[in-house]
Amino acid sequence: MNKSQRIKVISNILNKQYQTTPVPLNHKDPFTLLIAVLLSAQCTDERVNKVTPILFSKADTPKKIINLSEKEIYKIIKPCGLGPQKSKAILGLSKILIRNYKGRVPKDLEKLEELPGVGHKTASVVSNQAFGIPAFPVDTHIHRLSQRWGLTKGKNVLQTEKDLKNSFPEVKWGKLHLQMIYWGRQFCTARACWGLECKICKSCYPKRKKRFIHKRP
C-alpha cells in the first residue's frame, strides 16, 4: 500500500469513528482556551479541565489575572505540573495582552508565539480552534501516530507538521488534528499497539510483525 492509499484508508476510518470532534479542553473564549492549552503541556486534558474552573472562577480575563500574584496562580494550577513556569507565563502573557492588544488574544500565529509560554503547537491550536484559521498542531503523540501510519519520516514535530499539511487538504487540518488525538488516546496509545494492533495500523501495514521503532522528536 502506497502513501496515497494509506491516506485514504486513514481518512475513511477516522471520519467514520469521529464524525464530530469537540475541543477536549473546556473554554469559553480565546483567552480561556489559550490558558487551558498552555496548562495542558505535559498534563492530561482531564486534569486541566478540573483546574481551569477554579482558576477562571477567580480570573477569566487578562485584567483579572494581573490582579493575582504568581503565588496565587501557582497554588491553583500546581496539579498541572510545571507550576512555577506556567504561573509566570500566565501572568506575563496577560500583561502583554493588556499592553499590546487591548486585552485580546491575537489571531496571528507569529504574535501568539511571542507570548510567554506559548510555543508553536500551542499557538497553532489557539489559532485554529479559537479563530478557525487553518493549522495542523503536531505534538509528540501525533508525531508518533504519523510515523506508525507511514505519513512522515520526520525526526521532529516541525517536519511531521509539514508532511501532514502536504498530505491532507487545508480544510481538513483542524478536524484531523483532533481525530488523531482521539484515536491515539483510544486505540493507538504510546505504550500499546506499537503499530501492530489498532485498525489503522493493521490496515496500513497488514504484514508488519515487529514493533515499530519511533524516531523521537
Protein backbone atom coordinates (compact mmCIF):
# COMPACT_ATOMS: atom_id res chain seq x y z
CA MET A 1 0.00 0.00 0.00
CA ASN A 2 1.47 3.35 -1.03
CA LYS A 3 1.15 6.62 0.86
CA SER A 4 -1.82 7.88 -1.13
CA GLN A 5 -3.69 4.67 -0.38
CA ARG A 6 -2.80 4.90 3.31
CA ILE A 7 -4.07 8.49 3.45
CA LYS A 8 -7.41 7.38 2.01
CA VAL A 9 -7.70 4.47 4.46
CA ILE A 10 -6.78 6.66 7.44
CA SER A 11 -9.25 9.38 6.45
CA ASN A 12 -12.09 6.89 5.98
CA ILE A 13 -11.52 5.19 9.33
CA LEU A 14 -11.16 8.44 11.27
CA ASN A 15 -14.20 10.05 9.64
CA LYS A 16 -16.32 7.01 10.40
CA GLN A 17 -15.14 6.83 14.02
CA TYR A 18 -15.25 10.57 14.77
CA GLN A 19 -17.91 12.41 12.80
CA THR A 20 -17.77 15.27 15.30
CA THR A 21 -14.63 16.50 17.05
CA PRO A 22 -15.36 18.64 20.11
CA VAL A 23 -12.41 20.54 21.57
CA PRO A 24 -11.28 18.47 24.59
CA LEU A 25 -10.26 21.49 26.68
CA ASN A 26 -13.16 23.36 28.27
CA HIS A 27 -13.14 27.08 27.48
CA LYS A 28 -15.50 29.95 26.65
CA ASP A 29 -13.35 32.30 24.58
CA PRO A 30 -9.87 32.64 23.00
CA PHE A 31 -8.25 33.73 26.27
CA THR A 32 -9.53 30.82 28.36
CA LEU A 33 -8.57 28.45 25.53
CA LEU A 34 -5.07 29.92 25.44
CA ILE A 35 -4.65 29.39 29.17
CA ALA A 36 -6.06 25.86 29.01
CA VAL A 37 -3.74 24.85 26.17
CA LEU A 38 -0.76 26.36 27.98
CA LEU A 39 -1.65 24.34 31.09
CA SER A 40 -2.02 21.14 29.06
CA ALA A 41 1.72 20.93 28.36
CA GLN A 42 2.90 17.66 29.95
CA CYS A 43 -0.51 17.30 31.58
CA THR A 44 -3.72 15.47 30.70
CA ASP A 45 -6.75 17.35 29.40
CA GLU A 46 -8.81 15.77 32.16
CA ARG A 47 -6.66 17.34 34.84
CA VAL A 48 -6.64 20.70 33.09
CA ASN A 49 -10.43 20.63 32.93
CA LYS A 50 -10.53 20.14 36.71
CA VAL A 51 -8.13 23.01 37.37
CA THR A 52 -9.36 25.69 34.97
CA PRO A 53 -12.83 26.12 36.55
CA ILE A 54 -11.09 27.02 39.82
CA LEU A 55 -8.74 29.47 38.11
CA PHE A 56 -11.42 31.01 35.89
CA SER A 57 -13.83 31.45 38.79
CA LYS A 58 -11.25 33.86 40.20
CA ALA A 59 -9.90 35.32 36.96
CA ASP A 60 -11.01 34.61 33.40
CA THR A 61 -9.66 37.70 31.62
CA PRO A 62 -6.20 39.26 31.38
CA LYS A 63 -7.32 42.21 33.54
CA LYS A 64 -8.47 39.87 36.28
CA ILE A 65 -5.40 37.64 36.01
CA ILE A 66 -3.00 40.51 36.67
CA ASN A 67 -4.75 41.14 39.98
CA LEU A 68 -3.47 37.75 41.12
CA SER A 69 0.09 37.09 42.20
CA GLU A 70 2.27 34.36 40.73
CA LYS A 71 1.97 32.57 44.04
CA GLU A 72 -1.83 32.64 43.91
CA ILE A 73 -1.87 31.33 40.34
CA TYR A 74 0.67 28.65 41.17
CA LYS A 75 -1.39 27.41 44.11
CA ILE A 76 -4.33 26.79 41.77
CA ILE A 77 -2.52 25.31 38.77
CA LYS A 78 0.05 23.23 40.67
CA PRO A 79 -1.72 19.91 39.85
CA CYS A 80 -0.98 20.52 36.14
CA GLY A 81 2.78 20.34 36.67
CA LEU A 82 5.47 22.85 35.75
CA GLY A 83 3.66 25.24 38.08
CA PRO A 84 6.36 27.90 38.50
CA GLN A 85 6.92 28.27 34.75
CA LYS A 86 3.24 28.19 33.86
CA SER A 87 2.15 30.67 36.55
CA LYS A 88 4.86 33.09 35.45
CA ALA A 89 3.82 32.67 31.81
CA ILE A 90 0.11 33.20 32.53
CA LEU A 91 0.80 36.40 34.40
CA GLY A 92 3.33 37.59 31.82
CA LEU A 93 1.18 36.97 28.76
CA SER A 94 -1.80 38.63 30.44
CA LYS A 95 0.23 41.80 30.94
CA ILE A 96 1.34 41.74 27.30
CA LEU A 97 -2.22 41.21 26.04
CA ILE A 98 -3.35 44.26 28.01
CA ARG A 99 -0.40 46.40 26.96
CA ASN A 100 -0.21 45.44 23.29
CA TYR A 101 -3.57 44.01 22.27
CA LYS A 102 -6.19 45.76 24.42
CA GLY A 103 -6.67 42.56 26.40
CA ARG A 104 -7.50 40.46 23.35
CA VAL A 105 -5.75 37.33 22.11
CA PRO A 106 -4.18 37.98 18.69
CA LYS A 107 -5.14 35.74 15.77
CA ASP A 108 -1.73 35.89 14.11
CA LEU A 109 0.39 32.80 14.68
CA GLU A 110 3.68 34.68 14.99
CA LYS A 111 2.22 37.13 17.52
CA LEU A 112 0.86 34.24 19.56
CA GLU A 113 4.28 32.58 19.55
CA GLU A 114 5.82 35.74 21.02
CA LEU A 115 3.74 35.38 24.19
CA PRO A 116 5.44 33.82 27.25
CA GLY A 117 4.92 30.08 27.49
CA VAL A 118 3.33 29.85 24.04
CA GLY A 119 5.18 27.63 21.61
CA HIS A 120 4.34 26.78 18.02
CA LYS A 121 1.99 23.93 18.90
CA THR A 122 0.03 25.97 21.45
CA ALA A 123 -0.20 28.90 19.04
CA SER A 124 -1.43 26.59 16.27
CA VAL A 125 -4.15 25.12 18.50
CA VAL A 126 -5.42 28.55 19.54
CA SER A 127 -5.23 29.95 16.02
CA ASN A 128 -7.27 27.06 14.65
CA GLN A 129 -9.73 26.30 17.43
CA ALA A 130 -10.40 29.87 18.56
CA PHE A 131 -10.32 31.65 15.21
CA GLY A 132 -10.83 28.95 12.58
CA ILE A 133 -7.51 29.69 10.88
CA PRO A 134 -6.12 26.59 9.11
CA ALA A 135 -3.41 24.95 11.20
CA PHE A 136 -2.23 21.42 11.93
CA PRO A 137 -0.88 21.36 15.50
CA VAL A 138 1.53 18.48 16.00
CA ASP A 139 2.65 17.25 19.40
CA THR A 140 4.66 14.16 20.29
CA HIS A 141 1.51 11.99 20.17
CA ILE A 142 0.52 12.99 16.63
CA HIS A 143 4.18 12.71 15.65
CA ARG A 144 4.13 9.11 16.92
CA LEU A 145 0.93 8.19 15.04
CA SER A 146 2.18 9.82 11.84
CA GLN A 147 5.27 7.64 11.96
CA ARG A 148 3.33 4.46 12.71
CA TRP A 149 0.96 5.16 9.81
CA GLY A 150 3.67 5.98 7.30
CA LEU A 151 2.70 9.63 6.90
CA THR A 152 6.14 11.01 7.75
CA LYS A 153 9.76 10.06 8.19
CA GLY A 154 10.43 13.32 10.03
CA LYS A 155 12.68 13.28 13.05
CA ASN A 156 10.90 16.24 14.65
CA VAL A 157 7.38 17.63 15.01
CA LEU A 158 8.00 20.51 12.60
CA GLN A 159 8.90 18.16 9.75
CA THR A 160 5.93 15.98 10.62
CA GLU A 161 3.67 19.03 10.55
CA LYS A 162 4.98 19.93 7.10
CA ASP A 163 4.42 16.38 5.82
CA LEU A 164 0.88 16.22 7.19
CA LYS A 165 -0.01 19.58 5.66
CA ASN A 166 1.26 18.33 2.31
CA SER A 167 -0.75 15.12 2.64
CA PHE A 168 -4.19 16.44 3.54
CA PRO A 169 -6.38 19.32 2.26
CA GLU A 170 -6.08 22.51 4.30
CA VAL A 171 -9.79 22.48 5.10
CA LYS A 172 -9.36 19.18 6.98
CA TRP A 173 -6.31 20.05 9.09
CA GLY A 174 -8.06 21.18 12.25
CA LYS A 175 -10.54 18.31 12.42
CA LEU A 176 -7.88 15.74 11.53
CA HIS A 177 -5.67 17.03 14.34
CA LEU A 178 -8.45 16.29 16.83
CA GLN A 179 -9.38 12.97 15.22
CA MET A 180 -5.78 11.78 15.55
CA ILE A 181 -5.67 12.86 19.19
CA TYR A 182 -8.85 10.93 19.99
CA TRP A 183 -7.70 7.85 18.06
CA GLY A 184 -4.30 7.88 19.71
CA ARG A 185 -5.85 8.01 23.16
CA GLN A 186 -8.43 5.34 22.49
CA PHE A 187 -6.79 2.83 20.15
CA CYS A 188 -3.12 3.61 19.46
CA THR A 189 -1.55 4.74 22.73
CA ALA A 190 2.12 5.39 23.37
CA ARG A 191 2.55 2.21 25.40
CA ALA A 192 0.29 -0.05 23.37
CA CYS A 193 -0.42 -1.01 19.77
CA TRP A 194 3.18 -0.29 18.69
CA GLY A 195 1.99 -0.17 15.10
CA LEU A 196 0.58 -3.69 15.30
CA GLU A 197 -2.86 -3.74 16.90
CA CYS A 198 -5.21 -0.85 16.07
CA LYS A 199 -7.38 -0.90 12.94
CA ILE A 200 -5.44 1.86 11.21
CA CYS A 201 -2.03 0.30 11.83
CA LYS A 202 -3.23 -3.13 10.69
CA SER A 203 -4.94 -1.65 7.63
CA CYS A 204 -1.91 0.38 6.57
CA TYR A 205 0.67 -2.31 7.33
CA PRO A 206 -1.02 -5.74 7.38
CA LYS A 207 2.33 -7.53 7.03
CA ARG A 208 4.06 -5.68 9.87
CA LYS A 209 5.20 -8.21 12.50
CA LYS A 210 7.62 -6.33 14.74
CA ARG A 211 7.04 -3.33 16.96
CA PHE A 212 7.50 -0.06 15.13
CA ILE A 213 10.57 1.85 16.30
CA HIS A 214 9.84 5.58 16.56
CA LYS A 215 12.17 8.44 15.78
CA ARG A 216 11.85 10.63 18.83
CA PRO A 217 11.41 14.39 18.34
